[in-house]
Amino acid sequence: MPKSWTVPEECLLPSDAKEQVSGRPPLVTVGLPVYNGQNYLESALDGLLAQTFTDFELIISDNASTDRTELICREYAAGDPRIRYFRRPRNIGVVLNHNALVPVARGRYFKWAGHDDVYEPDLLARCVEGLEADPSAVLANVWDGVVDDRGRRTALPYRLRTEDSAAHVRFRSVLREDGGNDFYGMFRTDVIRRMRPQGTYLHMDRVLVAEASLMGRFHEIPVVLYYRRDHPERASRAPTAREVLRKLDPVRGDRLRHPLVRVYAEYVLGLVGAVLHAPLPWRERARCLRELTSFLSTRVRPSVARQVVTGTAPPAEVPVTAERGP
C-alpha cells in the first residue's frame, strides 16, 4: 500500500478487516461512511443490496453514531454476508472516515456511497461494464439527480465531460464544468491508491476528482441511476464555513490553529499538488498549471478575499452525501 493512503492509527479499520470474508475477493468494494444516519440509512442499504450486479462487498464505517445507526447496520450485516460493519470508538470526522475505507478495499473497483442517497438497481452494473470495456478509463460514473427529504426526485441537466486524451483538457473540464457527483463514481482501486487521500480542507472532493482526471479519462454513462439526498441535516447546510470544517474534521473547529485563510490556501495547494503528483510529462504538467492559474484568477475576488481573511466566508460546497456531522 503506498504511503499516501496511510491514515492515523486511531482512524484505521481493524487490521483483520480483509480477513473477515473468506474466498476470492469481490470485483467491487462499496465503502459507506456514516454518522447518525438512521433517517435514510435503511433506504440506502436496500438500494445497494438490490443491485443487479452482486459481486461486491459493502464495508460500513460507523463514525461513533449516537442514534439507531449501529442497530440498523448490525441487523443488515447479520442478514447479508457481503456486508462488513465496523464501529469507531470516537468521531474522527467525515474526511478521515471516508479515507480509511480505501486501504481495506478488496475489490478491483472501489466506490464510496452516501448513507442517505438513492441507488437505482443497475448503477453498479453499468459502472462495471464501463470500466471493463474501457481499460483507459480510471473512473466510471452515471448521471445523477436530487431527491429531497420527502422522497421527491428531480433529474439534473448535464454537460458532457470531455473525454479528451490530453490531461490538461480533462483537468480544465473538472475545474470549470459541472460534471455531476464524480466523487461518488466508481474508481479503479489501484488508481485511487496511487492518488493522494482527501485533505481536511474545504472543496477537498474537487481536488480528489481533479487528480483523478490527471490519471486518466472518465467513462460517462448518460443515464440517471443515482439520486443525491438534499435534506436539512446535510453537511453542506451548516450555517458557516467553520461549521462545515468541524464536520469534516473536528480539529478544524479551532479557528486559531486553522484560520480560514489557511484552509483555503490548503485547497489551492491541494490542486497544485495534484498536478505535481500526477505521472505527466513536464510539458503537460506545465499546461495543467496554466489551466489552474486561469481557473483561480476567475475565482479570487476582493469581497471573497476579505471574507476569508476575516473568517466570515460562507459555507463551501462539500460532498452532498457526506455524513451528518457531530
C-alpha atoms as a PDB file:
ATOM      1  CA  MET A   1       0.000   0.000   0.000  1.00  0.00           C
ATOM      2  CA  PRO A   2       1.519   3.378  -0.979  1.00  0.00           C
ATOM      3  CA  LYS A   3       2.306   5.597   1.978  1.00  0.00           C
ATOM      4  CA  SER A   4      -0.025   8.238   0.592  1.00  0.00           C
ATOM      5  CA  TRP A   5      -3.093   6.283   1.754  1.00  0.00           C
ATOM      6  CA  THR A   6      -1.927   5.606   5.275  1.00  0.00           C
ATOM      7  CA  VAL A   7      -4.173   7.205   7.890  1.00  0.00           C
ATOM      8  CA  PRO A   8      -3.594   7.833  11.608  1.00  0.00           C
ATOM      9  CA  GLU A   9      -3.530   4.579  13.556  1.00  0.00           C
ATOM     10  CA  GLU A  10      -6.587   5.507  15.593  1.00  0.00           C
ATOM     11  CA  CYS A  11      -8.501   6.046  12.333  1.00  0.00           C
ATOM     12  CA  LEU A  12      -7.719   2.655  10.801  1.00  0.00           C
ATOM     13  CA  LEU A  13     -10.370   0.000  10.492  1.00  0.00           C
ATOM     14  CA  PRO A  14      -9.496  -3.274  12.274  1.00  0.00           C
ATOM     15  CA  SER A  15      -6.324  -4.914  10.956  1.00  0.00           C
ATOM     16  CA  ASP A  16      -8.242  -8.092  10.182  1.00  0.00           C
ATOM     17  CA  ALA A  17     -10.791  -6.272   8.019  1.00  0.00           C
ATOM     18  CA  LYS A  18      -9.639  -8.046   4.872  1.00  0.00           C
ATOM     19  CA  GLU A  19      -9.683 -11.462   6.505  1.00  0.00           C
ATOM     20  CA  GLN A  20     -13.246 -11.335   7.779  1.00  0.00           C
ATOM     21  CA  VAL A  21     -14.564 -12.539   4.417  1.00  0.00           C
ATOM     22  CA  SER A  22     -13.316 -15.877   3.117  1.00  0.00           C
ATOM     23  CA  GLY A  23     -12.982 -16.883  -0.510  1.00  0.00           C
ATOM     24  CA  ARG A  24     -11.924 -14.880  -3.544  1.00  0.00           C
ATOM     25  CA  PRO A  25     -12.078 -11.077  -3.415  1.00  0.00           C
ATOM     26  CA  PRO A  26     -15.173  -9.458  -4.921  1.00  0.00           C
ATOM     27  CA  LEU A  27     -14.893  -7.431  -8.104  1.00  0.00           C
ATOM     28  CA  VAL A  28     -16.241  -4.270  -6.421  1.00  0.00           C
ATOM     29  CA  THR A  29     -15.869  -2.701  -2.989  1.00  0.00           C
ATOM     30  CA  VAL A  30     -18.527  -0.215  -1.899  1.00  0.00           C
ATOM     31  CA  GLY A  31     -17.400   1.869   1.074  1.00  0.00           C
ATOM     32  CA  LEU A  32     -20.141   3.532   3.106  1.00  0.00           C
ATOM     33  CA  PRO A  33     -19.098   6.001   5.832  1.00  0.00           C
ATOM     34  CA  VAL A  34     -21.922   7.033   8.142  1.00  0.00           C
ATOM     35  CA  TYR A  35     -22.655   9.145  11.199  1.00  0.00           C
ATOM     36  CA  ASN A  36     -26.144   9.262  12.755  1.00  0.00           C
ATOM     37  CA  GLY A  37     -27.793   8.072   9.573  1.00  0.00           C
ATOM     38  CA  GLN A  38     -30.951   6.445  10.948  1.00  0.00           C
ATOM     39  CA  ASN A  39     -33.340   8.562   8.867  1.00  0.00           C
ATOM     40  CA  TYR A  40     -32.205   7.364   5.441  1.00  0.00           C
ATOM     41  CA  LEU A  41     -29.732   4.530   6.024  1.00  0.00           C
ATOM     42  CA  GLU A  42     -32.176   1.652   5.545  1.00  0.00           C
ATOM     43  CA  SER A  43     -33.323   3.046   2.207  1.00  0.00           C
ATOM     44  CA  ALA A  44     -29.716   3.381   1.014  1.00  0.00           C
ATOM     45  CA  LEU A  45     -28.810  -0.140   2.151  1.00  0.00           C
ATOM     46  CA  ASP A  46     -31.895  -1.573   0.462  1.00  0.00           C
ATOM     47  CA  GLY A  47     -30.911   0.141  -2.783  1.00  0.00           C
ATOM     48  CA  LEU A  48     -27.334  -1.141  -2.661  1.00  0.00           C
ATOM     49  CA  LEU A  49     -28.281  -4.700  -1.740  1.00  0.00           C
ATOM     50  CA  ALA A  50     -30.878  -4.802  -4.545  1.00  0.00           C
ATOM     51  CA  GLN A  51     -28.278  -4.143  -7.254  1.00  0.00           C
ATOM     52  CA  THR A  52     -28.457  -6.392 -10.317  1.00  0.00           C
ATOM     53  CA  PHE A  53     -24.661  -6.712 -10.077  1.00  0.00           C
ATOM     54  CA  THR A  54     -23.989  -8.826  -6.990  1.00  0.00           C
ATOM     55  CA  ASP A  55     -20.225  -9.453  -6.890  1.00  0.00           C
ATOM     56  CA  PHE A  56     -19.423  -6.744  -4.355  1.00  0.00           C
ATOM     57  CA  GLU A  57     -18.618  -6.222  -0.709  1.00  0.00           C
ATOM     58  CA  LEU A  58     -20.154  -3.400   1.319  1.00  0.00           C
ATOM     59  CA  ILE A  59     -17.905  -2.012   4.048  1.00  0.00           C
ATOM     60  CA  ILE A  60     -19.654   0.277   6.537  1.00  0.00           C
ATOM     61  CA  SER A  61     -17.600   2.543   8.790  1.00  0.00           C
ATOM     62  CA  ASP A  62     -19.791   3.929  11.566  1.00  0.00           C
ATOM     63  CA  ASN A  63     -18.273   7.137  12.937  1.00  0.00           C
ATOM     64  CA  ALA A  64     -19.401   6.599  16.573  1.00  0.00           C
ATOM     65  CA  SER A  65     -23.073   7.244  15.834  1.00  0.00           C
ATOM     66  CA  THR A  66     -25.338   8.019  18.785  1.00  0.00           C
ATOM     67  CA  ASP A  67     -28.689   7.136  17.185  1.00  0.00           C
ATOM     68  CA  ARG A  68     -30.047   3.825  15.807  1.00  0.00           C
ATOM     69  CA  THR A  69     -27.347   3.563  13.127  1.00  0.00           C
ATOM     70  CA  GLU A  70     -25.452   0.778  14.899  1.00  0.00           C
ATOM     71  CA  LEU A  71     -28.587  -1.314  15.368  1.00  0.00           C
ATOM     72  CA  ILE A  72     -29.603  -0.889  11.735  1.00  0.00           C
ATOM     73  CA  CYS A  73     -26.140  -1.814  10.459  1.00  0.00           C
ATOM     74  CA  ARG A  74     -25.839  -4.896  12.647  1.00  0.00           C
ATOM     75  CA  GLU A  75     -29.260  -6.131  11.554  1.00  0.00           C
ATOM     76  CA  TYR A  76     -28.379  -5.767   7.870  1.00  0.00           C
ATOM     77  CA  ALA A  77     -24.902  -7.294   8.341  1.00  0.00           C
ATOM     78  CA  ALA A  78     -26.447 -10.324  10.046  1.00  0.00           C
ATOM     79  CA  GLY A  79     -28.692 -10.843   7.034  1.00  0.00           C
ATOM     80  CA  ASP A  80     -26.190 -10.413   4.192  1.00  0.00           C
ATOM     81  CA  PRO A  81     -22.619 -11.822   4.174  1.00  0.00           C
ATOM     82  CA  ARG A  82     -21.464  -9.134   1.733  1.00  0.00           C
ATOM     83  CA  ILE A  83     -21.662  -6.517   4.493  1.00  0.00           C
ATOM     84  CA  ARG A  84     -18.767  -5.825   6.867  1.00  0.00           C
ATOM     85  CA  TYR A  85     -19.622  -3.395   9.643  1.00  0.00           C
ATOM     86  CA  PHE A  86     -17.112  -1.515  11.790  1.00  0.00           C
ATOM     87  CA  ARG A  87     -17.911   0.945  14.553  1.00  0.00           C
ATOM     88  CA  ARG A  88     -15.442   3.593  15.670  1.00  0.00           C
ATOM     89  CA  PRO A  89     -14.993   4.413  19.378  1.00  0.00           C
ATOM     90  CA  ARG A  90     -14.991   8.155  18.602  1.00  0.00           C
ATOM     91  CA  ASN A  91     -15.952  10.539  15.810  1.00  0.00           C
ATOM     92  CA  ILE A  92     -12.946  11.263  13.580  1.00  0.00           C
ATOM     93  CA  GLY A  93     -14.769  13.498  11.107  1.00  0.00           C
ATOM     94  CA  VAL A  94     -16.192  12.932   7.651  1.00  0.00           C
ATOM     95  CA  VAL A  95     -12.950  13.037   5.662  1.00  0.00           C
ATOM     96  CA  LEU A  96     -10.871  10.560   7.646  1.00  0.00           C
ATOM     97  CA  ASN A  97     -13.831   8.199   7.836  1.00  0.00           C
ATOM     98  CA  HIS A  98     -14.019   8.272   4.025  1.00  0.00           C
ATOM     99  CA  ASN A  99     -10.260   7.857   3.602  1.00  0.00           C
ATOM    100  CA  ALA A 100      -9.973   4.857   5.919  1.00  0.00           C
ATOM    101  CA  LEU A 101     -12.169   2.741   3.642  1.00  0.00           C
ATOM    102  CA  VAL A 102      -9.692   2.711   0.751  1.00  0.00           C
ATOM    103  CA  PRO A 103      -6.866   0.681   2.377  1.00  0.00           C
ATOM    104  CA  VAL A 104      -9.182  -2.235   3.281  1.00  0.00           C
ATOM    105  CA  ALA A 105     -10.947  -2.490  -0.096  1.00  0.00           C
ATOM    106  CA  ARG A 106     -10.517  -5.925  -1.682  1.00  0.00           C
ATOM    107  CA  GLY A 107     -12.262  -5.206  -4.980  1.00  0.00           C
ATOM    108  CA  ARG A 108     -10.670  -4.296  -8.311  1.00  0.00           C
ATOM    109  CA  TYR A 109     -13.060  -1.341  -8.358  1.00  0.00           C
ATOM    110  CA  PHE A 110     -13.946   0.988  -5.490  1.00  0.00           C
ATOM    111  CA  LYS A 111     -16.915   3.270  -4.916  1.00  0.00           C
ATOM    112  CA  TRP A 112     -17.894   5.461  -1.983  1.00  0.00           C
ATOM    113  CA  ALA A 113     -21.604   5.507  -1.182  1.00  0.00           C
ATOM    114  CA  GLY A 114     -23.603   8.027   0.809  1.00  0.00           C
ATOM    115  CA  HIS A 115     -25.810   6.715   3.611  1.00  0.00           C
ATOM    116  CA  ASP A 116     -28.668   8.990   2.587  1.00  0.00           C
ATOM    117  CA  ASP A 117     -28.766   8.585  -1.199  1.00  0.00           C
ATOM    118  CA  VAL A 118     -30.960   6.599  -3.594  1.00  0.00           C
ATOM    119  CA  TYR A 119     -29.489   3.966  -5.921  1.00  0.00           C
ATOM    120  CA  GLU A 120     -31.177   2.503  -8.985  1.00  0.00           C
ATOM    121  CA  PRO A 121     -30.710  -1.280  -9.419  1.00  0.00           C
ATOM    122  CA  ASP A 122     -28.417  -1.045 -12.473  1.00  0.00           C
ATOM    123  CA  LEU A 123     -25.981   1.512 -11.032  1.00  0.00           C
ATOM    124  CA  LEU A 124     -23.106  -0.844 -10.175  1.00  0.00           C
ATOM    125  CA  ALA A 125     -23.642  -2.997 -13.257  1.00  0.00           C
ATOM    126  CA  ARG A 126     -23.396  -0.077 -15.663  1.00  0.00           C
ATOM    127  CA  CYS A 127     -20.270   1.303 -13.977  1.00  0.00           C
ATOM    128  CA  VAL A 128     -18.557  -2.098 -14.032  1.00  0.00           C
ATOM    129  CA  GLU A 129     -19.481  -2.556 -17.692  1.00  0.00           C
ATOM    130  CA  GLY A 130     -17.946   0.812 -18.496  1.00  0.00           C
ATOM    131  CA  LEU A 131     -14.647   0.116 -16.752  1.00  0.00           C
ATOM    132  CA  GLU A 132     -14.377  -3.432 -18.112  1.00  0.00           C
ATOM    133  CA  ALA A 133     -14.991  -2.238 -21.674  1.00  0.00           C
ATOM    134  CA  ASP A 134     -12.658   0.781 -21.457  1.00  0.00           C
ATOM    135  CA  PRO A 135      -9.259  -0.042 -19.900  1.00  0.00           C
ATOM    136  CA  SER A 136      -8.118   3.562 -20.379  1.00  0.00           C
ATOM    137  CA  ALA A 137     -10.852   4.906 -18.062  1.00  0.00           C
ATOM    138  CA  VAL A 138      -9.917   5.433 -14.410  1.00  0.00           C
ATOM    139  CA  LEU A 139     -13.440   6.255 -13.231  1.00  0.00           C
ATOM    140  CA  ALA A 140     -16.960   5.459 -14.402  1.00  0.00           C
ATOM    141  CA  ASN A 141     -19.955   7.495 -13.358  1.00  0.00           C
ATOM    142  CA  VAL A 142     -23.623   7.860 -14.180  1.00  0.00           C
ATOM    143  CA  TRP A 143     -25.706  10.985 -14.330  1.00  0.00           C
ATOM    144  CA  ASP A 144     -27.360  11.885 -11.053  1.00  0.00           C
ATOM    145  CA  GLY A 145     -30.418  13.649  -9.777  1.00  0.00           C
ATOM    146  CA  VAL A 146     -31.626  15.060  -6.473  1.00  0.00           C
ATOM    147  CA  VAL A 147     -34.100  13.573  -4.008  1.00  0.00           C
ATOM    148  CA  ASP A 148     -35.439  15.661  -1.134  1.00  0.00           C
ATOM    149  CA  ASP A 149     -36.309  14.640   2.408  1.00  0.00           C
ATOM    150  CA  ARG A 150     -39.825  13.721   1.267  1.00  0.00           C
ATOM    151  CA  GLY A 151     -38.605  11.405  -1.481  1.00  0.00           C
ATOM    152  CA  ARG A 152     -39.386  13.687  -4.438  1.00  0.00           C
ATOM    153  CA  ARG A 153     -36.886  13.203  -7.275  1.00  0.00           C
ATOM    154  CA  THR A 154     -35.509  15.689  -9.795  1.00  0.00           C
ATOM    155  CA  ALA A 155     -33.167  14.869 -12.673  1.00  0.00           C
ATOM    156  CA  LEU A 156     -30.448  17.435 -13.299  1.00  0.00           C
ATOM    157  CA  PRO A 157     -29.346  18.897 -16.642  1.00  0.00           C
ATOM    158  CA  TYR A 158     -25.832  17.936 -17.703  1.00  0.00           C
ATOM    159  CA  ARG A 159     -22.979  18.975 -19.882  1.00  0.00           C
ATOM    160  CA  LEU A 160     -20.961  16.020 -21.034  1.00  0.00           C
ATOM    161  CA  ARG A 161     -17.468  15.875 -19.599  1.00  0.00           C
ATOM    162  CA  THR A 162     -14.705  15.910 -22.153  1.00  0.00           C
ATOM    163  CA  GLU A 163     -13.097  12.560 -22.907  1.00  0.00           C
ATOM    164  CA  ASP A 164     -10.060  14.184 -24.487  1.00  0.00           C
ATOM    165  CA  SER A 165      -6.829  12.223 -24.225  1.00  0.00           C
ATOM    166  CA  ALA A 166      -4.890  15.309 -23.107  1.00  0.00           C
ATOM    167  CA  ALA A 167      -4.648  15.608 -19.315  1.00  0.00           C
ATOM    168  CA  HIS A 168      -4.828  19.406 -19.276  1.00  0.00           C
ATOM    169  CA  VAL A 169      -8.121  19.365 -21.204  1.00  0.00           C
ATOM    170  CA  ARG A 170      -9.645  16.846 -18.785  1.00  0.00           C
ATOM    171  CA  PHE A 171      -8.307  18.898 -15.872  1.00  0.00           C
ATOM    172  CA  ARG A 172      -9.933  22.054 -17.281  1.00  0.00           C
ATOM    173  CA  SER A 173     -13.239  20.197 -17.624  1.00  0.00           C
ATOM    174  CA  VAL A 174     -13.215  19.132 -13.969  1.00  0.00           C
ATOM    175  CA  LEU A 175     -12.296  22.610 -12.753  1.00  0.00           C
ATOM    176  CA  ARG A 176     -14.800  24.567 -14.819  1.00  0.00           C
ATOM    177  CA  GLU A 177     -17.761  22.329 -15.717  1.00  0.00           C
ATOM    178  CA  ASP A 178     -20.491  20.774 -13.606  1.00  0.00           C
ATOM    179  CA  GLY A 179     -19.963  17.093 -14.294  1.00  0.00           C
ATOM    180  CA  GLY A 180     -22.165  15.761 -11.545  1.00  0.00           C
ATOM    181  CA  ASN A 181     -21.007  13.965  -8.454  1.00  0.00           C
ATOM    182  CA  ASP A 182     -17.844  12.323  -9.828  1.00  0.00           C
ATOM    183  CA  PHE A 183     -16.510  11.861  -6.297  1.00  0.00           C
ATOM    184  CA  TYR A 184     -19.124   9.121  -5.893  1.00  0.00           C
ATOM    185  CA  GLY A 185     -18.267   7.430  -9.179  1.00  0.00           C
ATOM    186  CA  MET A 186     -16.573   4.039  -9.419  1.00  0.00           C
ATOM    187  CA  PHE A 187     -12.758   4.192  -9.380  1.00  0.00           C
ATOM    188  CA  ARG A 188     -10.173   1.622 -10.311  1.00  0.00           C
ATOM    189  CA  THR A 189      -8.830   0.702  -6.880  1.00  0.00           C
ATOM    190  CA  ASP A 190      -5.198   0.571  -7.992  1.00  0.00           C
ATOM    191  CA  VAL A 191      -5.534   4.076  -9.467  1.00  0.00           C
ATOM    192  CA  ILE A 192      -7.123   5.698  -6.422  1.00  0.00           C
ATOM    193  CA  ARG A 193      -4.408   4.157  -4.257  1.00  0.00           C
ATOM    194  CA  ARG A 194      -1.779   5.905  -6.390  1.00  0.00           C
ATOM    195  CA  MET A 195      -3.506   9.202  -5.700  1.00  0.00           C
ATOM    196  CA  ARG A 196      -3.309  11.273  -2.540  1.00  0.00           C
ATOM    197  CA  PRO A 197      -6.069  10.898   0.064  1.00  0.00           C
ATOM    198  CA  GLN A 198      -8.539  13.702   0.717  1.00  0.00           C
ATOM    199  CA  GLY A 199      -7.353  16.579   2.837  1.00  0.00           C
ATOM    200  CA  THR A 200      -9.478  18.114   5.582  1.00  0.00           C
ATOM    201  CA  TYR A 201      -9.999  21.460   3.876  1.00  0.00           C
ATOM    202  CA  LEU A 202     -12.917  22.990   2.006  1.00  0.00           C
ATOM    203  CA  HIS A 203     -13.517  21.670  -1.543  1.00  0.00           C
ATOM    204  CA  MET A 204     -11.397  18.589  -0.822  1.00  0.00           C
ATOM    205  CA  ASP A 205     -13.635  16.477  -3.099  1.00  0.00           C
ATOM    206  CA  ARG A 206     -12.861  18.753  -6.066  1.00  0.00           C
ATOM    207  CA  VAL A 207      -9.162  18.176  -5.513  1.00  0.00           C
ATOM    208  CA  LEU A 208      -9.525  14.395  -5.473  1.00  0.00           C
ATOM    209  CA  VAL A 209     -11.615  14.372  -8.660  1.00  0.00           C
ATOM    210  CA  ALA A 210      -9.184  16.792 -10.319  1.00  0.00           C
ATOM    211  CA  GLU A 211      -6.291  14.475  -9.518  1.00  0.00           C
ATOM    212  CA  ALA A 212      -8.252  11.525 -10.903  1.00  0.00           C
ATOM    213  CA  SER A 213      -8.704  13.420 -14.182  1.00  0.00           C
ATOM    214  CA  LEU A 214      -4.922  13.688 -14.454  1.00  0.00           C
ATOM    215  CA  MET A 215      -4.583   9.915 -14.051  1.00  0.00           C
ATOM    216  CA  GLY A 216      -6.850   9.084 -16.993  1.00  0.00           C
ATOM    217  CA  ARG A 217     -10.222   9.514 -18.690  1.00  0.00           C
ATOM    218  CA  PHE A 218     -13.651   9.307 -17.080  1.00  0.00           C
ATOM    219  CA  HIS A 219     -16.245   6.983 -18.607  1.00  0.00           C
ATOM    220  CA  GLU A 220     -19.580   8.763 -18.502  1.00  0.00           C
ATOM    221  CA  ILE A 221     -22.862   6.831 -18.581  1.00  0.00           C
ATOM    222  CA  PRO A 222     -25.611   9.265 -19.684  1.00  0.00           C
ATOM    223  CA  VAL A 223     -28.416   7.718 -17.624  1.00  0.00           C
ATOM    224  CA  VAL A 224     -29.727   8.928 -14.257  1.00  0.00           C
ATOM    225  CA  LEU A 225     -29.156   5.987 -11.884  1.00  0.00           C
ATOM    226  CA  TYR A 226     -28.254   7.814  -8.688  1.00  0.00           C
ATOM    227  CA  TYR A 227     -30.032  10.488  -6.613  1.00  0.00           C
ATOM    228  CA  ARG A 228     -28.246  12.683  -4.086  1.00  0.00           C
ATOM    229  CA  ARG A 229     -30.281  13.397  -0.973  1.00  0.00           C
ATOM    230  CA  ASP A 230     -30.858  17.077  -0.217  1.00  0.00           C
ATOM    231  CA  HIS A 231     -32.044  17.434   3.383  1.00  0.00           C
ATOM    232  CA  PRO A 232     -31.655  19.898   6.269  1.00  0.00           C
ATOM    233  CA  GLU A 233     -29.010  17.863   8.120  1.00  0.00           C
ATOM    234  CA  ARG A 234     -26.645  17.625   5.153  1.00  0.00           C
ATOM    235  CA  ALA A 235     -23.096  18.710   5.953  1.00  0.00           C
ATOM    236  CA  SER A 236     -23.129  21.476   3.360  1.00  0.00           C
ATOM    237  CA  ARG A 237     -26.214  23.004   5.024  1.00  0.00           C
ATOM    238  CA  ALA A 238     -24.114  24.074   8.004  1.00  0.00           C
ATOM    239  CA  PRO A 239     -24.556  27.837   8.582  1.00  0.00           C
ATOM    240  CA  THR A 240     -20.865  28.782   8.326  1.00  0.00           C
ATOM    241  CA  ALA A 241     -17.685  27.513   6.703  1.00  0.00           C
ATOM    242  CA  ARG A 242     -16.304  26.873  10.192  1.00  0.00           C
ATOM    243  CA  GLU A 243     -19.186  24.514  10.985  1.00  0.00           C
ATOM    244  CA  VAL A 244     -18.619  22.665   7.708  1.00  0.00           C
ATOM    245  CA  LEU A 245     -14.958  22.277   8.628  1.00  0.00           C
ATOM    246  CA  ARG A 246     -15.823  20.963  12.089  1.00  0.00           C
ATOM    247  CA  LYS A 247     -17.835  18.212  10.441  1.00  0.00           C
ATOM    248  CA  LEU A 248     -15.051  17.375   8.006  1.00  0.00           C
ATOM    249  CA  ASP A 249     -12.528  17.132  10.844  1.00  0.00           C
ATOM    250  CA  PRO A 250     -13.255  18.046  14.489  1.00  0.00           C
ATOM    251  CA  VAL A 251      -9.857  19.721  14.987  1.00  0.00           C
ATOM    252  CA  ARG A 252     -10.717  22.201  12.236  1.00  0.00           C
ATOM    253  CA  GLY A 253     -13.162  23.846  14.624  1.00  0.00           C
ATOM    254  CA  ASP A 254     -10.230  25.651  16.227  1.00  0.00           C
ATOM    255  CA  ARG A 255     -10.175  28.992  14.408  1.00  0.00           C
ATOM    256  CA  LEU A 256      -6.847  29.997  15.949  1.00  0.00           C
ATOM    257  CA  ARG A 257      -4.915  26.970  14.705  1.00  0.00           C
ATOM    258  CA  HIS A 258      -6.923  26.691  11.480  1.00  0.00           C
ATOM    259  CA  PRO A 259      -7.967  30.141  10.227  1.00  0.00           C
ATOM    260  CA  LEU A 260      -9.969  30.138   7.007  1.00  0.00           C
ATOM    261  CA  VAL A 261      -7.154  31.756   5.063  1.00  0.00           C
ATOM    262  CA  ARG A 262      -5.029  28.702   5.847  1.00  0.00           C
ATOM    263  CA  VAL A 263      -7.823  26.317   4.900  1.00  0.00           C
ATOM    264  CA  TYR A 264      -8.403  27.934   1.516  1.00  0.00           C
ATOM    265  CA  ALA A 265      -4.652  28.036   0.912  1.00  0.00           C
ATOM    266  CA  GLU A 266      -4.586  24.281   1.505  1.00  0.00           C
ATOM    267  CA  TYR A 267      -7.252  23.879  -1.154  1.00  0.00           C
ATOM    268  CA  VAL A 268      -5.134  25.764  -3.688  1.00  0.00           C
ATOM    269  CA  LEU A 269      -2.020  23.847  -2.670  1.00  0.00           C
ATOM    270  CA  GLY A 270      -4.030  20.643  -2.991  1.00  0.00           C
ATOM    271  CA  LEU A 271      -4.779  21.417  -6.637  1.00  0.00           C
ATOM    272  CA  VAL A 272      -1.149  22.332  -7.284  1.00  0.00           C
ATOM    273  CA  GLY A 273      -0.067  19.142  -5.561  1.00  0.00           C
ATOM    274  CA  ALA A 274      -2.442  17.110  -7.730  1.00  0.00           C
ATOM    275  CA  VAL A 275      -0.683  18.392 -10.841  1.00  0.00           C
ATOM    276  CA  LEU A 276       2.791  17.846  -9.430  1.00  0.00           C
ATOM    277  CA  HIS A 277       1.921  14.363  -8.133  1.00  0.00           C
ATOM    278  CA  ALA A 278       0.383  13.071 -11.368  1.00  0.00           C
ATOM    279  CA  PRO A 279       2.580  10.986 -13.706  1.00  0.00           C
ATOM    280  CA  LEU A 280       2.674  13.557 -16.520  1.00  0.00           C
ATOM    281  CA  PRO A 281       5.336  14.732 -18.989  1.00  0.00           C
ATOM    282  CA  TRP A 282       6.706  18.110 -17.951  1.00  0.00           C
ATOM    283  CA  ARG A 283       5.086  19.907 -20.904  1.00  0.00           C
ATOM    284  CA  GLU A 284       1.657  18.537 -19.999  1.00  0.00           C
ATOM    285  CA  ARG A 285       2.232  19.387 -16.342  1.00  0.00           C
ATOM    286  CA  ALA A 286       3.010  22.975 -17.352  1.00  0.00           C
ATOM    287  CA  ARG A 287      -0.220  23.126 -19.367  1.00  0.00           C
ATOM    288  CA  CYS A 288      -2.173  21.898 -16.327  1.00  0.00           C
ATOM    289  CA  LEU A 289      -0.602  24.564 -14.113  1.00  0.00           C
ATOM    290  CA  ARG A 290      -1.607  27.212 -16.658  1.00  0.00           C
ATOM    291  CA  GLU A 291      -5.174  25.890 -16.591  1.00  0.00           C
ATOM    292  CA  LEU A 292      -5.142  26.091 -12.802  1.00  0.00           C
ATOM    293  CA  THR A 293      -3.805  29.641 -12.811  1.00  0.00           C
ATOM    294  CA  SER A 294      -6.521  30.695 -15.231  1.00  0.00           C
ATOM    295  CA  PHE A 295      -9.199  28.993 -13.142  1.00  0.00           C
ATOM    296  CA  LEU A 296      -8.082  30.581  -9.878  1.00  0.00           C
ATOM    297  CA  SER A 297      -7.883  34.019 -11.457  1.00  0.00           C
ATOM    298  CA  THR A 298     -11.619  33.852 -12.152  1.00  0.00           C
ATOM    299  CA  ARG A 299     -12.422  32.786  -8.589  1.00  0.00           C
ATOM    300  CA  VAL A 300     -10.484  35.278  -6.478  1.00  0.00           C
ATOM    301  CA  ARG A 301     -12.480  38.468  -5.901  1.00  0.00           C
ATOM    302  CA  PRO A 302     -11.742  41.223  -3.332  1.00  0.00           C
ATOM    303  CA  SER A 303     -15.025  40.594  -1.496  1.00  0.00           C
ATOM    304  CA  VAL A 304     -14.313  36.867  -1.175  1.00  0.00           C
ATOM    305  CA  ALA A 305     -10.753  37.523  -0.066  1.00  0.00           C
ATOM    306  CA  ARG A 306     -11.995  39.840   2.706  1.00  0.00           C
ATOM    307  CA  GLN A 307     -14.457  37.173   3.866  1.00  0.00           C
ATOM    308  CA  VAL A 308     -11.724  34.553   4.055  1.00  0.00           C
ATOM    309  CA  VAL A 309      -9.309  36.776   5.966  1.00  0.00           C
ATOM    310  CA  THR A 310     -11.982  37.906   8.433  1.00  0.00           C
ATOM    311  CA  GLY A 311     -13.399  34.403   8.852  1.00  0.00           C
ATOM    312  CA  THR A 312     -16.872  35.228   7.534  1.00  0.00           C
ATOM    313  CA  ALA A 313     -16.716  33.166   4.343  1.00  0.00           C
ATOM    314  CA  PRO A 314     -19.949  31.320   3.538  1.00  0.00           C
ATOM    315  CA  PRO A 315     -20.102  27.511   3.705  1.00  0.00           C
ATOM    316  CA  ALA A 316     -18.238  25.780   0.911  1.00  0.00           C
ATOM    317  CA  GLU A 317     -19.682  23.013  -1.181  1.00  0.00           C
ATOM    318  CA  VAL A 318     -18.822  19.604   0.218  1.00  0.00           C
ATOM    319  CA  PRO A 319     -19.978  16.190  -0.981  1.00  0.00           C
ATOM    320  CA  VAL A 320     -23.757  16.452  -0.652  1.00  0.00           C
ATOM    321  CA  THR A 321     -23.997  12.872   0.554  1.00  0.00           C
ATOM    322  CA  ALA A 322     -21.415  13.391   3.275  1.00  0.00           C
ATOM    323  CA  GLU A 323     -22.215  12.186   6.766  1.00  0.00           C
ATOM    324  CA  ARG A 324     -24.076  14.409   9.124  1.00  0.00           C
ATOM    325  CA  GLY A 325     -21.558  15.998  11.438  1.00  0.00           C
ATOM    326  CA  PRO A 326     -21.407  15.747  15.220  1.00  0.00           C
END
